[in-house]
């Protein structure tokens, strides 16, 4: 049975989005925090991936942006706060990771994770966080 779009009722889609947000968000926080704590040398190494897009300046800045995208973006994703900007940042980060893997000639089994995550973040960007997001519950 279809529900009215104006209905405040929480449905299975909202619970599914919550589960997806919490699981993926926690994974990206766990993946991003070590990069964030790695400091300028680690950020420069990470930001070196931008050379695959023709960007050859400020690798530490780009690396810090990627680490923040993963750590803070994952937390925002899980909470459902600033959801679409977080998804957009994560799509961009996964796009750079994908370009890096393709530029190195990595096989599908290596670059598939970045591709899959980019698709999921793009889909979440379109769907939104669902009714069980902190931004909606605070209203």
N, C-alpha and C. Protein backbone atom coordinates (compact mmCIF):
# COMPACT_ATOMS: atom_id res chain seq x y z
N UNK A 1 0.85 -1.17 0.00
CA UNK A 1 0.00 0.00 0.00
C UNK A 1 0.90 1.24 0.00
N UNK A 2 0.64 2.14 -0.92
CA UNK A 2 1.43 3.38 -0.99
C UNK A 2 1.03 4.30 0.14
N UNK A 3 2.02 5.00 0.66
CA UNK A 3 1.68 5.94 1.73
C UNK A 3 1.75 7.36 1.19
N UNK A 4 1.00 8.20 1.82
CA UNK A 4 0.94 9.60 1.45
C UNK A 4 2.30 10.24 1.67
N UNK A 5 2.80 11.03 0.68
CA UNK A 5 4.11 11.67 0.81
C UNK A 5 4.18 12.60 2.00
N UNK A 6 3.08 13.13 2.44
CA UNK A 6 3.07 14.04 3.58
C UNK A 6 3.01 13.31 4.92
N UNK A 7 2.90 11.99 4.87
CA UNK A 7 2.77 11.21 6.09
C UNK A 7 4.07 11.17 6.88
N UNK A 8 3.99 11.39 8.20
CA UNK A 8 5.20 11.33 9.03
C UNK A 8 5.58 9.90 9.41
N UNK A 9 4.82 8.92 8.92
CA UNK A 9 5.05 7.53 9.28
C UNK A 9 6.41 7.05 8.77
N UNK A 10 7.14 6.38 9.63
CA UNK A 10 8.43 5.80 9.26
C UNK A 10 8.17 4.41 8.68
N UNK A 11 8.75 4.16 7.50
CA UNK A 11 8.54 2.87 6.85
C UNK A 11 9.83 2.08 6.72
N UNK A 12 9.73 0.94 6.06
CA UNK A 12 10.89 0.07 5.89
C UNK A 12 12.00 0.74 5.09
N UNK A 13 11.65 1.59 4.14
CA UNK A 13 12.68 2.30 3.38
C UNK A 13 13.50 3.18 4.31
N UNK A 14 12.84 3.85 5.24
CA UNK A 14 13.56 4.71 6.20
C UNK A 14 14.50 3.88 7.08
N UNK A 15 14.05 2.72 7.51
CA UNK A 15 14.89 1.84 8.33
C UNK A 15 16.06 1.31 7.50
N UNK A 16 15.80 0.99 6.24
CA UNK A 16 16.86 0.53 5.34
C UNK A 16 17.90 1.61 5.10
N UNK A 17 17.44 2.85 4.89
CA UNK A 17 18.37 3.96 4.72
C UNK A 17 19.18 4.22 5.98
N UNK A 18 18.55 4.08 7.14
CA UNK A 18 19.28 4.24 8.40
C UNK A 18 20.37 3.18 8.53
N UNK A 19 20.04 1.94 8.25
CA UNK A 19 21.01 0.85 8.32
C UNK A 19 22.17 1.10 7.34
N UNK A 20 21.85 1.51 6.13
CA UNK A 20 22.88 1.81 5.13
C UNK A 20 23.75 2.97 5.59
N UNK A 21 23.13 4.04 6.08
CA UNK A 21 23.88 5.21 6.54
C UNK A 21 24.80 4.86 7.70
N UNK A 22 24.30 4.13 8.68
CA UNK A 22 25.10 3.78 9.86
C UNK A 22 26.27 2.86 9.49
N UNK A 23 26.00 1.84 8.71
CA UNK A 23 27.05 0.90 8.33
C UNK A 23 28.12 1.52 7.46
N UNK A 24 27.71 2.20 6.41
CA UNK A 24 28.67 2.81 5.50
C UNK A 24 29.36 4.00 6.15
N UNK A 25 28.62 4.77 6.91
CA UNK A 25 29.22 5.91 7.61
C UNK A 25 30.28 5.48 8.59
N UNK A 26 29.99 4.45 9.39
CA UNK A 26 30.98 3.94 10.35
C UNK A 26 32.22 3.40 9.64
N UNK A 27 32.02 2.72 8.54
CA UNK A 27 33.16 2.18 7.78
C UNK A 27 34.04 3.32 7.26
N UNK A 28 33.43 4.40 6.79
CA UNK A 28 34.21 5.50 6.26
C UNK A 28 34.88 6.32 7.36
N UNK A 29 34.26 6.41 8.52
CA UNK A 29 34.94 7.05 9.66
C UNK A 29 36.17 6.22 10.02
N UNK A 30 36.01 4.91 10.12
CA UNK A 30 37.14 4.03 10.47
C UNK A 30 38.23 4.06 9.40
N UNK A 31 37.84 4.26 8.17
CA UNK A 31 38.79 4.32 7.06
C UNK A 31 39.47 5.69 6.99
N UNK A 32 38.75 6.74 7.32
CA UNK A 32 39.26 8.09 7.16
C UNK A 32 40.05 8.63 8.34
N UNK A 33 39.72 8.24 9.56
CA UNK A 33 40.40 8.78 10.74
C UNK A 33 41.91 8.50 10.71
N UNK A 34 42.35 7.28 10.40
CA UNK A 34 43.81 7.07 10.33
C UNK A 34 44.49 7.96 9.28
N UNK A 35 43.81 8.20 8.17
CA UNK A 35 44.36 9.10 7.15
C UNK A 35 44.43 10.52 7.69
N UNK A 36 43.41 10.92 8.40
CA UNK A 36 43.36 12.26 8.97
C UNK A 36 44.47 12.45 10.00
N UNK A 37 44.72 11.43 10.81
CA UNK A 37 45.74 11.50 11.84
C UNK A 37 47.15 11.28 11.30
N UNK A 38 47.25 10.91 10.03
CA UNK A 38 48.55 10.62 9.43
C UNK A 38 49.46 11.82 9.27
N UNK A 39 48.88 13.00 9.25
CA UNK A 39 49.67 14.22 9.14
C UNK A 39 50.05 14.58 7.72
N UNK A 40 50.78 15.67 7.56
CA UNK A 40 51.08 16.23 6.24
C UNK A 40 51.75 15.27 5.26
N UNK A 41 52.64 14.42 5.73
CA UNK A 41 53.29 13.48 4.81
C UNK A 41 52.28 12.49 4.24
N UNK A 42 51.43 11.96 5.10
CA UNK A 42 50.40 11.03 4.65
C UNK A 42 49.40 11.73 3.74
N UNK A 43 49.06 12.98 4.08
CA UNK A 43 48.11 13.73 3.24
C UNK A 43 48.69 13.98 1.85
N UNK A 44 49.97 14.30 1.79
CA UNK A 44 50.62 14.55 0.50
C UNK A 44 50.62 13.28 -0.35
N UNK A 45 50.87 12.14 0.27
CA UNK A 45 50.85 10.88 -0.46
C UNK A 45 49.43 10.59 -0.98
N UNK A 46 48.46 10.80 -0.14
CA UNK A 46 47.06 10.58 -0.52
C UNK A 46 46.64 11.56 -1.62
N UNK A 47 47.01 12.82 -1.45
CA UNK A 47 46.65 13.85 -2.42
C UNK A 47 47.35 13.71 -3.75
N UNK A 48 48.41 12.92 -3.79
CA UNK A 48 49.09 12.66 -5.05
C UNK A 48 48.18 12.01 -6.08
N UNK A 49 47.08 11.44 -5.65
CA UNK A 49 46.12 10.83 -6.57
C UNK A 49 45.53 11.86 -7.53
N UNK A 50 45.57 13.12 -7.13
CA UNK A 50 45.01 14.18 -7.98
C UNK A 50 45.79 14.33 -9.29
N UNK A 51 47.03 13.84 -9.35
CA UNK A 51 47.80 13.95 -10.59
C UNK A 51 47.12 13.19 -11.72
N UNK A 52 46.30 12.20 -11.39
CA UNK A 52 45.56 11.46 -12.41
C UNK A 52 44.48 12.32 -13.07
N UNK A 53 44.16 13.44 -12.44
CA UNK A 53 43.19 14.38 -13.00
C UNK A 53 43.89 15.63 -13.54
N UNK A 54 45.21 15.59 -13.59
CA UNK A 54 45.98 16.72 -14.10
C UNK A 54 46.25 17.81 -13.09
N UNK A 55 45.99 17.54 -11.82
CA UNK A 55 46.22 18.53 -10.76
C UNK A 55 47.54 18.17 -10.07
N UNK A 56 48.52 19.06 -10.18
CA UNK A 56 49.87 18.76 -9.69
C UNK A 56 50.31 19.69 -8.56
N UNK A 57 49.40 20.44 -7.97
CA UNK A 57 49.79 21.37 -6.91
C UNK A 57 49.09 21.00 -5.60
N UNK A 58 49.70 21.36 -4.49
CA UNK A 58 49.15 21.23 -3.13
C UNK A 58 48.63 19.83 -2.81
N UNK A 59 49.45 18.79 -3.01
CA UNK A 59 48.94 17.44 -2.72
C UNK A 59 48.53 17.24 -1.27
N UNK A 60 49.22 17.90 -0.33
CA UNK A 60 48.84 17.73 1.09
C UNK A 60 47.46 18.31 1.35
N UNK A 61 47.13 19.40 0.69
CA UNK A 61 45.80 20.00 0.85
C UNK A 61 44.72 19.07 0.30
N UNK A 62 44.99 18.50 -0.87
CA UNK A 62 44.02 17.57 -1.47
C UNK A 62 43.88 16.31 -0.62
N UNK A 63 45.00 15.84 -0.07
CA UNK A 63 44.96 14.66 0.79
C UNK A 63 44.19 14.92 2.07
N UNK A 64 44.40 16.09 2.66
CA UNK A 64 43.64 16.46 3.85
C UNK A 64 42.15 16.53 3.51
N UNK A 65 41.82 17.09 2.36
CA UNK A 65 40.41 17.17 1.95
C UNK A 65 39.81 15.77 1.81
N UNK A 66 40.57 14.84 1.23
CA UNK A 66 40.08 13.47 1.07
C UNK A 66 39.89 12.80 2.44
N UNK A 67 40.86 12.99 3.34
CA UNK A 67 40.76 12.40 4.68
C UNK A 67 39.57 12.97 5.44
N UNK A 68 39.37 14.29 5.33
CA UNK A 68 38.21 14.92 5.97
C UNK A 68 36.91 14.43 5.34
N UNK A 69 36.91 14.28 4.04
CA UNK A 69 35.72 13.78 3.35
C UNK A 69 35.33 12.41 3.88
N UNK A 70 36.31 11.54 4.05
CA UNK A 70 36.01 10.20 4.52
C UNK A 70 35.63 10.18 6.00
N UNK A 71 36.41 10.86 6.85
CA UNK A 71 36.15 10.81 8.29
C UNK A 71 34.92 11.63 8.68
N UNK A 72 34.93 12.90 8.37
CA UNK A 72 33.79 13.76 8.73
C UNK A 72 32.58 13.44 7.86
N UNK A 73 32.81 13.17 6.58
CA UNK A 73 31.70 12.83 5.69
C UNK A 73 31.01 11.55 6.14
N UNK A 74 31.80 10.57 6.59
CA UNK A 74 31.21 9.33 7.10
C UNK A 74 30.36 9.57 8.34
N UNK A 75 30.84 10.44 9.22
CA UNK A 75 30.07 10.76 10.44
C UNK A 75 28.78 11.50 10.09
N UNK A 76 28.88 12.46 9.17
CA UNK A 76 27.68 13.21 8.76
C UNK A 76 26.69 12.30 8.04
N UNK A 77 27.21 11.39 7.23
CA UNK A 77 26.37 10.43 6.53
C UNK A 77 25.60 9.59 7.55
N UNK A 78 26.30 9.05 8.53
CA UNK A 78 25.66 8.20 9.54
C UNK A 78 24.58 8.96 10.30
N UNK A 79 24.88 10.20 10.66
CA UNK A 79 23.92 10.99 11.43
C UNK A 79 22.78 11.53 10.58
N UNK A 80 23.02 11.68 9.30
CA UNK A 80 22.00 12.29 8.44
C UNK A 80 22.01 13.80 8.54
N UNK A 81 23.18 14.37 8.86
CA UNK A 81 23.34 15.83 8.94
C UNK A 81 24.15 16.31 7.74
N UNK A 82 23.79 17.45 7.19
CA UNK A 82 24.47 17.96 5.99
C UNK A 82 24.66 16.81 4.99
N UNK A 83 23.61 16.05 4.85
CA UNK A 83 23.67 14.76 4.17
C UNK A 83 24.09 14.87 2.71
N UNK A 84 23.42 15.72 1.97
CA UNK A 84 23.75 15.80 0.54
C UNK A 84 25.14 16.39 0.29
N UNK A 85 25.56 17.43 1.02
CA UNK A 85 26.95 17.88 0.83
C UNK A 85 27.97 16.79 1.19
N UNK A 86 27.69 16.01 2.24
CA UNK A 86 28.60 14.92 2.60
C UNK A 86 28.65 13.88 1.50
N UNK A 87 27.49 13.52 0.94
CA UNK A 87 27.46 12.55 -0.16
C UNK A 87 28.21 13.08 -1.37
N UNK A 88 28.05 14.34 -1.67
CA UNK A 88 28.74 14.94 -2.81
C UNK A 88 30.26 14.88 -2.60
N UNK A 89 30.72 15.20 -1.41
CA UNK A 89 32.15 15.13 -1.11
C UNK A 89 32.66 13.69 -1.23
N UNK A 90 31.87 12.74 -0.76
CA UNK A 90 32.28 11.34 -0.83
C UNK A 90 32.25 10.81 -2.26
N UNK A 91 31.30 11.25 -3.08
CA UNK A 91 31.29 10.89 -4.50
C UNK A 91 32.57 11.41 -5.17
N UNK A 92 32.92 12.65 -4.89
CA UNK A 92 34.13 13.24 -5.48
C UNK A 92 35.38 12.48 -5.03
N UNK A 93 35.46 12.15 -3.75
CA UNK A 93 36.61 11.42 -3.22
C UNK A 93 36.72 10.04 -3.88
N UNK A 94 35.61 9.36 -4.01
CA UNK A 94 35.64 8.05 -4.65
C UNK A 94 35.94 8.17 -6.15
N UNK A 95 35.53 9.27 -6.76
CA UNK A 95 35.87 9.52 -8.16
C UNK A 95 37.37 9.67 -8.36
N UNK A 96 38.02 10.39 -7.44
CA UNK A 96 39.47 10.55 -7.51
C UNK A 96 40.16 9.20 -7.27
N UNK A 97 39.67 8.43 -6.30
CA UNK A 97 40.24 7.11 -6.04
C UNK A 97 40.08 6.21 -7.27
N UNK A 98 38.94 6.28 -7.90
CA UNK A 98 38.70 5.49 -9.11
C UNK A 98 39.65 5.91 -10.23
N UNK A 99 39.82 7.22 -10.42
CA UNK A 99 40.74 7.73 -11.45
C UNK A 99 42.17 7.26 -11.16
N UNK A 100 42.55 7.25 -9.89
CA UNK A 100 43.90 6.80 -9.53
C UNK A 100 44.10 5.33 -9.91
N UNK A 101 43.13 4.49 -9.54
CA UNK A 101 43.25 3.07 -9.86
C UNK A 101 43.26 2.82 -11.36
N UNK A 102 42.39 3.51 -12.08
CA UNK A 102 42.36 3.34 -13.53
C UNK A 102 43.65 3.85 -14.16
N UNK A 103 44.17 4.96 -13.64
CA UNK A 103 45.42 5.51 -14.15
C UNK A 103 46.61 4.58 -13.95
N UNK A 104 46.56 3.79 -12.87
CA UNK A 104 47.63 2.83 -12.61
C UNK A 104 47.42 1.52 -13.38
N UNK A 105 46.28 1.40 -14.03
CA UNK A 105 45.99 0.17 -14.77
C UNK A 105 45.56 -0.98 -13.88
N UNK A 106 45.06 -0.65 -12.68
CA UNK A 106 44.62 -1.69 -11.77
C UNK A 106 43.44 -2.47 -12.36
N UNK A 107 43.33 -3.75 -12.02
CA UNK A 107 42.20 -4.54 -12.50
C UNK A 107 40.90 -4.18 -11.77
N UNK A 108 39.81 -4.65 -12.31
CA UNK A 108 38.50 -4.37 -11.76
C UNK A 108 38.39 -4.72 -10.28
N UNK A 109 38.96 -5.85 -9.88
CA UNK A 109 38.86 -6.27 -8.48
C UNK A 109 39.53 -5.29 -7.53
N UNK A 110 40.43 -4.46 -8.03
CA UNK A 110 41.09 -3.45 -7.19
C UNK A 110 40.27 -2.16 -7.18
N UNK A 111 39.78 -1.72 -8.35
CA UNK A 111 39.07 -0.44 -8.39
C UNK A 111 37.58 -0.55 -8.14
N UNK A 112 37.06 -1.78 -8.04
CA UNK A 112 35.61 -1.95 -7.88
C UNK A 112 35.07 -1.34 -6.60
N UNK A 113 35.86 -1.34 -5.52
CA UNK A 113 35.39 -0.78 -4.25
C UNK A 113 35.09 0.72 -4.39
N UNK A 114 36.01 1.45 -5.01
CA UNK A 114 35.79 2.89 -5.21
C UNK A 114 34.59 3.13 -6.12
N UNK A 115 34.45 2.32 -7.15
CA UNK A 115 33.32 2.45 -8.08
C UNK A 115 32.00 2.17 -7.37
N UNK A 116 31.96 1.09 -6.61
CA UNK A 116 30.73 0.73 -5.89
C UNK A 116 30.33 1.81 -4.89
N UNK A 117 31.31 2.30 -4.12
CA UNK A 117 31.00 3.35 -3.14
C UNK A 117 30.53 4.62 -3.83
N UNK A 118 31.14 4.97 -4.95
CA UNK A 118 30.71 6.17 -5.69
C UNK A 118 29.25 6.03 -6.12
N UNK A 119 28.88 4.87 -6.60
CA UNK A 119 27.50 4.63 -7.03
C UNK A 119 26.54 4.72 -5.84
N UNK A 120 26.91 4.13 -4.71
CA UNK A 120 26.05 4.18 -3.52
C UNK A 120 25.90 5.63 -3.04
N UNK A 121 27.00 6.38 -2.97
CA UNK A 121 26.91 7.77 -2.52
C UNK A 121 26.10 8.62 -3.49
N UNK A 122 26.21 8.34 -4.78
CA UNK A 122 25.42 9.07 -5.76
C UNK A 122 23.93 8.74 -5.59
N UNK A 123 23.62 7.49 -5.36
CA UNK A 123 22.22 7.10 -5.12
C UNK A 123 21.69 7.75 -3.84
N UNK A 124 22.49 7.78 -2.78
CA UNK A 124 22.07 8.43 -1.54
C UNK A 124 21.90 9.94 -1.73
N UNK A 125 22.74 10.53 -2.55
CA UNK A 125 22.61 11.95 -2.87
C UNK A 125 21.23 12.23 -3.46
N UNK A 126 20.78 11.32 -4.31
CA UNK A 126 19.47 11.48 -4.95
C UNK A 126 18.33 11.19 -3.98
N UNK A 127 18.44 10.11 -3.19
CA UNK A 127 17.32 9.70 -2.33
C UNK A 127 17.17 10.54 -1.08
N UNK A 128 18.29 11.01 -0.53
CA UNK A 128 18.25 11.70 0.75
C UNK A 128 18.40 10.71 1.89
N UNK A 129 18.46 11.21 3.12
CA UNK A 129 18.78 10.36 4.27
C UNK A 129 17.61 9.55 4.83
N UNK A 130 16.41 9.84 4.43
CA UNK A 130 15.25 9.18 5.01
C UNK A 130 14.73 9.94 6.23
N UNK A 131 13.63 9.44 6.79
CA UNK A 131 12.99 10.12 7.92
C UNK A 131 13.73 9.96 9.24
N UNK A 132 14.63 8.97 9.33
CA UNK A 132 15.33 8.70 10.59
C UNK A 132 16.72 9.36 10.59
N UNK A 133 16.77 10.57 10.13
CA UNK A 133 18.01 11.34 10.10
C UNK A 133 17.95 12.42 11.18
N UNK A 134 19.09 12.73 11.77
CA UNK A 134 19.14 13.72 12.85
C UNK A 134 18.56 15.06 12.40
N UNK A 135 18.82 15.44 11.17
CA UNK A 135 18.32 16.72 10.67
C UNK A 135 16.79 16.74 10.61
N UNK A 136 16.17 15.62 10.31
CA UNK A 136 14.70 15.56 10.24
C UNK A 136 14.09 15.38 11.62
N UNK A 137 14.77 14.62 12.49
CA UNK A 137 14.21 14.36 13.82
C UNK A 137 14.27 15.58 14.71
N UNK A 138 15.19 16.49 14.41
CA UNK A 138 15.34 17.71 15.22
C UNK A 138 14.27 18.75 14.91
N UNK A 139 13.55 18.55 13.83
CA UNK A 139 12.52 19.53 13.44
C UNK A 139 11.34 19.51 14.36
